[in-house]
């Protein structure tokens, strides 16, 4: 199955410095909105212990895992600092104030 762009919600439906969870065939996706209204999407599990990144604290372009305080970069999915690991990044775009994810074949 080819990945396709799927309309998820309006940007305004995601709290600033927060997240919304989207159910997908390959697992939950966390869609984040920064304080300056940028939108990012990652699989909703920390590469360290699988914690729900959607429940973490969003700051600048990072999210802190609620379980063990790993900071995951929202732009790359990589853990910051000395920690190693990567959360799968999901392609996201905003068109006319609507958030779209590229989901399907790769999840």
N, C-alpha and C. Protein backbone atom coordinates (compact mmCIF):
# COMPACT_ATOMS: atom_id res chain seq x y z
N UNK A 1 0.85 -1.18 0.00
CA UNK A 1 0.00 0.00 0.00
C UNK A 1 0.89 1.25 0.00
N UNK A 2 0.62 2.15 -0.90
CA UNK A 2 1.40 3.38 -1.00
C UNK A 2 0.99 4.34 0.11
N UNK A 3 1.97 5.01 0.73
CA UNK A 3 1.63 6.02 1.73
C UNK A 3 0.82 7.14 1.09
N UNK A 4 -0.11 7.71 1.84
CA UNK A 4 -0.91 8.81 1.32
C UNK A 4 -1.08 9.88 2.39
N UNK A 5 -1.34 11.09 1.95
CA UNK A 5 -1.57 12.18 2.89
C UNK A 5 -2.97 12.05 3.46
N UNK A 6 -3.07 12.07 4.78
CA UNK A 6 -4.35 11.94 5.49
C UNK A 6 -4.58 13.17 6.35
N UNK A 7 -5.74 13.81 6.14
CA UNK A 7 -6.11 14.96 6.96
C UNK A 7 -6.41 14.49 8.37
N UNK A 8 -5.79 15.14 9.36
CA UNK A 8 -5.93 14.72 10.76
C UNK A 8 -6.81 15.67 11.55
N UNK A 9 -6.49 16.96 11.50
CA UNK A 9 -7.20 17.95 12.31
C UNK A 9 -6.73 19.34 11.91
N UNK A 10 -7.33 20.35 12.52
CA UNK A 10 -6.84 21.71 12.36
C UNK A 10 -5.65 21.91 13.30
N UNK A 11 -4.74 22.78 12.93
CA UNK A 11 -3.61 23.10 13.81
C UNK A 11 -4.14 23.54 15.17
N UNK A 12 -5.21 24.33 15.17
CA UNK A 12 -5.79 24.85 16.42
C UNK A 12 -6.32 23.75 17.33
N UNK A 13 -6.54 22.55 16.81
CA UNK A 13 -7.02 21.42 17.62
C UNK A 13 -5.92 20.81 18.48
N UNK A 14 -4.68 21.16 18.20
CA UNK A 14 -3.55 20.67 18.98
C UNK A 14 -3.13 21.79 19.93
N UNK A 15 -3.08 21.54 21.23
CA UNK A 15 -2.69 22.62 22.14
C UNK A 15 -1.26 23.09 21.89
N UNK A 16 -1.02 24.39 22.01
CA UNK A 16 0.35 24.90 21.90
C UNK A 16 1.19 24.24 22.99
N UNK A 17 2.41 23.83 22.59
CA UNK A 17 3.33 23.13 23.50
C UNK A 17 2.69 21.84 24.01
N UNK A 18 1.91 21.19 23.14
CA UNK A 18 1.25 19.95 23.51
C UNK A 18 1.21 18.99 22.32
N UNK A 19 0.39 17.95 22.46
CA UNK A 19 0.32 16.92 21.43
C UNK A 19 -1.09 16.35 21.33
N UNK A 20 -1.29 15.67 20.23
CA UNK A 20 -2.53 14.93 19.99
C UNK A 20 -2.11 13.56 19.46
N UNK A 21 -2.81 12.53 19.86
CA UNK A 21 -2.48 11.16 19.42
C UNK A 21 -3.40 10.76 18.28
N UNK A 22 -2.79 10.18 17.25
CA UNK A 22 -3.52 9.68 16.09
C UNK A 22 -3.30 8.17 16.04
N UNK A 23 -4.38 7.41 15.96
CA UNK A 23 -4.28 5.96 15.81
C UNK A 23 -3.96 5.65 14.35
N UNK A 24 -2.97 4.80 14.13
CA UNK A 24 -2.57 4.42 12.78
C UNK A 24 -2.31 2.92 12.75
N UNK A 25 -2.37 2.30 11.58
CA UNK A 25 -2.17 0.85 11.48
C UNK A 25 -0.86 0.36 12.09
N UNK A 26 0.20 1.16 12.00
CA UNK A 26 1.51 0.76 12.52
C UNK A 26 1.76 1.18 13.96
N UNK A 27 0.78 1.78 14.60
CA UNK A 27 0.94 2.24 15.98
C UNK A 27 0.58 3.71 16.11
N UNK A 28 0.44 4.14 17.34
CA UNK A 28 0.04 5.53 17.60
C UNK A 28 1.10 6.52 17.13
N UNK A 29 0.62 7.66 16.64
CA UNK A 29 1.48 8.75 16.20
C UNK A 29 1.18 9.95 17.08
N UNK A 30 2.22 10.58 17.61
CA UNK A 30 2.07 11.81 18.39
C UNK A 30 2.30 12.99 17.45
N UNK A 31 1.33 13.90 17.39
CA UNK A 31 1.44 15.10 16.57
C UNK A 31 1.61 16.27 17.53
N UNK A 32 2.74 16.96 17.43
CA UNK A 32 3.12 18.01 18.36
C UNK A 32 2.96 19.39 17.73
N UNK A 33 2.61 20.36 18.58
CA UNK A 33 2.56 21.76 18.16
C UNK A 33 3.45 22.56 19.11
N UNK A 34 4.37 23.31 18.55
CA UNK A 34 5.27 24.12 19.36
C UNK A 34 4.61 25.45 19.74
N UNK A 35 5.27 26.21 20.59
CA UNK A 35 4.75 27.50 21.02
C UNK A 35 4.61 28.47 19.85
N UNK A 36 5.43 28.29 18.80
CA UNK A 36 5.34 29.16 17.63
C UNK A 36 4.61 28.50 16.47
N UNK A 37 3.75 27.52 16.80
CA UNK A 37 2.82 26.88 15.86
C UNK A 37 3.44 26.00 14.79
N UNK A 38 4.68 25.53 15.00
CA UNK A 38 5.22 24.52 14.09
C UNK A 38 4.66 23.17 14.50
N UNK A 39 4.49 22.28 13.53
CA UNK A 39 3.87 20.98 13.78
C UNK A 39 4.85 19.88 13.37
N UNK A 40 4.99 18.87 14.24
CA UNK A 40 5.88 17.73 14.00
C UNK A 40 5.13 16.45 14.37
N UNK A 41 5.56 15.32 13.83
CA UNK A 41 4.93 14.04 14.16
C UNK A 41 5.99 12.96 14.32
N UNK A 42 5.83 12.17 15.38
CA UNK A 42 6.72 11.04 15.67
C UNK A 42 5.87 9.87 16.12
N UNK A 43 6.38 8.66 15.96
CA UNK A 43 5.72 7.52 16.61
C UNK A 43 5.66 7.82 18.10
N UNK A 44 4.57 7.45 18.73
CA UNK A 44 4.32 7.84 20.12
C UNK A 44 4.98 6.91 21.13
N UNK A 45 6.26 6.66 20.93
CA UNK A 45 6.99 5.91 21.95
C UNK A 45 8.46 6.31 21.95
N UNK A 46 8.96 6.52 23.15
CA UNK A 46 10.35 6.91 23.34
C UNK A 46 11.25 5.73 22.98
N UNK A 47 12.39 5.99 22.31
CA UNK A 47 13.29 4.90 21.95
C UNK A 47 13.98 4.28 23.17
N UNK A 48 13.90 4.91 24.32
CA UNK A 48 14.57 4.42 25.52
C UNK A 48 13.77 3.30 26.18
N UNK A 49 12.59 3.61 26.69
CA UNK A 49 11.77 2.62 27.40
C UNK A 49 10.35 2.55 26.86
N UNK A 50 10.10 3.17 25.71
CA UNK A 50 8.77 3.10 25.09
C UNK A 50 7.74 4.02 25.70
N UNK A 51 8.15 5.00 26.48
CA UNK A 51 7.21 5.93 27.11
C UNK A 51 6.41 6.71 26.08
N UNK A 52 5.20 7.14 26.43
CA UNK A 52 4.33 7.88 25.50
C UNK A 52 4.81 9.32 25.33
N UNK A 53 5.47 9.60 24.23
CA UNK A 53 6.00 10.95 24.00
C UNK A 53 4.89 12.00 23.99
N UNK A 54 3.68 11.60 23.60
CA UNK A 54 2.56 12.55 23.55
C UNK A 54 2.22 13.11 24.93
N UNK A 55 2.66 12.45 25.99
CA UNK A 55 2.41 12.92 27.35
C UNK A 55 3.59 13.69 27.92
N UNK A 56 4.61 13.92 27.09
CA UNK A 56 5.80 14.64 27.53
C UNK A 56 5.63 16.14 27.46
N UNK A 57 6.64 16.84 27.92
CA UNK A 57 6.65 18.30 27.91
C UNK A 57 7.33 18.79 26.64
N UNK A 58 6.61 19.61 25.86
CA UNK A 58 7.15 20.17 24.62
C UNK A 58 7.82 21.50 24.94
N UNK A 59 9.06 21.65 24.47
CA UNK A 59 9.81 22.88 24.66
C UNK A 59 10.66 23.12 23.43
N UNK A 60 10.59 24.32 22.89
CA UNK A 60 11.26 24.65 21.63
C UNK A 60 10.93 23.58 20.60
N UNK A 61 11.93 22.86 20.10
CA UNK A 61 11.67 21.78 19.14
C UNK A 61 12.05 20.43 19.74
N UNK A 62 11.75 20.26 21.03
CA UNK A 62 12.02 19.00 21.70
C UNK A 62 10.83 18.60 22.56
N UNK A 63 10.80 17.32 22.91
CA UNK A 63 9.81 16.81 23.85
C UNK A 63 10.56 15.95 24.87
N UNK A 64 10.24 16.15 26.14
CA UNK A 64 10.86 15.37 27.20
C UNK A 64 9.96 14.19 27.54
N UNK A 65 10.50 12.99 27.43
CA UNK A 65 9.74 11.78 27.74
C UNK A 65 9.29 11.82 29.20
N UNK A 66 8.03 11.46 29.47
CA UNK A 66 7.54 11.50 30.84
C UNK A 66 8.10 10.40 31.75
N UNK A 67 8.73 9.38 31.18
CA UNK A 67 9.24 8.28 32.01
C UNK A 67 10.64 8.52 32.57
N UNK A 68 11.57 8.89 31.70
CA UNK A 68 12.96 8.98 32.15
C UNK A 68 13.67 10.25 31.70
N UNK A 69 12.91 11.25 31.31
CA UNK A 69 13.44 12.58 30.97
C UNK A 69 14.37 12.63 29.76
N UNK A 70 14.32 11.65 28.89
CA UNK A 70 15.07 11.78 27.65
C UNK A 70 14.42 12.89 26.85
N UNK A 71 15.23 13.70 26.17
CA UNK A 71 14.71 14.75 25.30
C UNK A 71 14.86 14.28 23.86
N UNK A 72 13.73 14.24 23.16
CA UNK A 72 13.72 13.81 21.76
C UNK A 72 13.52 15.04 20.88
N UNK A 73 14.38 15.19 19.88
CA UNK A 73 14.29 16.31 18.95
C UNK A 73 13.10 16.08 18.01
N UNK A 74 12.18 17.04 17.95
CA UNK A 74 10.98 16.88 17.12
C UNK A 74 11.29 16.95 15.63
N UNK A 75 12.37 17.62 15.26
CA UNK A 75 12.71 17.74 13.84
C UNK A 75 13.35 16.47 13.29
N UNK A 76 14.10 15.75 14.12
CA UNK A 76 14.84 14.59 13.63
C UNK A 76 14.39 13.27 14.25
N UNK A 77 13.75 13.32 15.42
CA UNK A 77 13.40 12.11 16.15
C UNK A 77 14.54 11.56 17.00
N UNK A 78 15.70 12.17 16.94
CA UNK A 78 16.87 11.69 17.67
C UNK A 78 16.89 12.19 19.11
N UNK A 79 17.43 11.35 19.98
CA UNK A 79 17.61 11.74 21.37
C UNK A 79 18.72 12.79 21.43
N UNK A 80 18.54 13.79 22.28
CA UNK A 80 19.54 14.85 22.44
C UNK A 80 20.50 14.50 23.57
N UNK A 81 21.67 15.13 23.56
CA UNK A 81 22.64 14.92 24.62
C UNK A 81 23.39 13.63 24.41
N UNK A 82 23.79 13.00 25.51
CA UNK A 82 24.58 11.78 25.46
C UNK A 82 23.72 10.55 25.17
N UNK A 83 22.39 10.69 25.25
CA UNK A 83 21.50 9.56 25.02
C UNK A 83 21.51 9.17 23.54
N UNK A 84 21.31 7.89 23.28
CA UNK A 84 21.26 7.41 21.90
C UNK A 84 19.95 6.72 21.64
N UNK A 85 19.41 6.95 20.49
CA UNK A 85 18.15 6.35 20.09
C UNK A 85 17.41 7.30 19.18
N UNK A 86 16.39 6.78 18.55
CA UNK A 86 15.67 7.60 17.59
C UNK A 86 14.21 7.16 17.56
N UNK A 87 13.30 8.14 17.62
CA UNK A 87 11.87 7.88 17.44
C UNK A 87 11.58 8.07 15.95
N UNK A 88 10.80 7.19 15.37
CA UNK A 88 10.50 7.28 13.94
C UNK A 88 9.74 8.57 13.63
N UNK A 89 10.27 9.35 12.71
CA UNK A 89 9.64 10.59 12.29
C UNK A 89 8.58 10.28 11.24
N UNK A 90 7.42 10.92 11.36
CA UNK A 90 6.32 10.74 10.42
C UNK A 90 6.20 12.02 9.60
N UNK A 91 6.16 11.92 8.27
CA UNK A 91 6.02 13.13 7.46
C UNK A 91 4.71 13.86 7.78
N UNK A 92 4.81 15.19 7.96
CA UNK A 92 3.66 16.01 8.32
C UNK A 92 3.72 17.30 7.51
N UNK A 93 2.54 17.80 7.15
CA UNK A 93 2.47 19.09 6.47
C UNK A 93 1.22 19.82 6.95
N UNK A 94 1.25 21.14 6.84
CA UNK A 94 0.10 21.96 7.18
C UNK A 94 -0.33 22.66 5.90
N UNK A 95 -1.60 22.45 5.53
CA UNK A 95 -2.17 23.06 4.33
C UNK A 95 -3.44 23.78 4.73
N UNK A 96 -3.47 25.08 4.53
CA UNK A 96 -4.64 25.90 4.87
C UNK A 96 -5.10 25.68 6.31
N UNK A 97 -4.13 25.59 7.23
CA UNK A 97 -4.45 25.44 8.64
C UNK A 97 -4.83 24.03 9.07
N UNK A 98 -4.75 23.07 8.15
CA UNK A 98 -5.08 21.67 8.44
C UNK A 98 -3.80 20.85 8.49
N UNK A 99 -3.73 19.92 9.45
CA UNK A 99 -2.57 19.05 9.61
C UNK A 99 -2.82 17.77 8.82
N UNK A 100 -1.83 17.40 8.01
CA UNK A 100 -1.91 16.16 7.24
C UNK A 100 -0.68 15.32 7.52
N UNK A 101 -0.89 14.02 7.70
CA UNK A 101 0.20 13.07 7.90
C UNK A 101 0.30 12.16 6.70
N UNK A 102 1.54 11.77 6.40
CA UNK A 102 1.73 10.80 5.31
C UNK A 102 1.80 9.42 5.98
N UNK A 103 0.68 8.73 5.95
CA UNK A 103 0.61 7.41 6.59
C UNK A 103 0.13 6.38 5.59
N UNK A 104 0.37 5.15 5.92
CA UNK A 104 0.03 4.05 5.02
C UNK A 104 1.25 3.18 4.87
N UNK A 105 1.49 2.60 3.79
CA UNK A 105 2.53 1.64 3.50
C UNK A 105 3.76 1.54 4.38
N UNK A 106 4.24 2.60 5.03
CA UNK A 106 5.49 2.50 5.78
C UNK A 106 5.30 2.36 7.28
N UNK A 107 4.10 2.44 7.80
CA UNK A 107 3.91 2.36 9.24
C UNK A 107 3.66 0.95 9.71
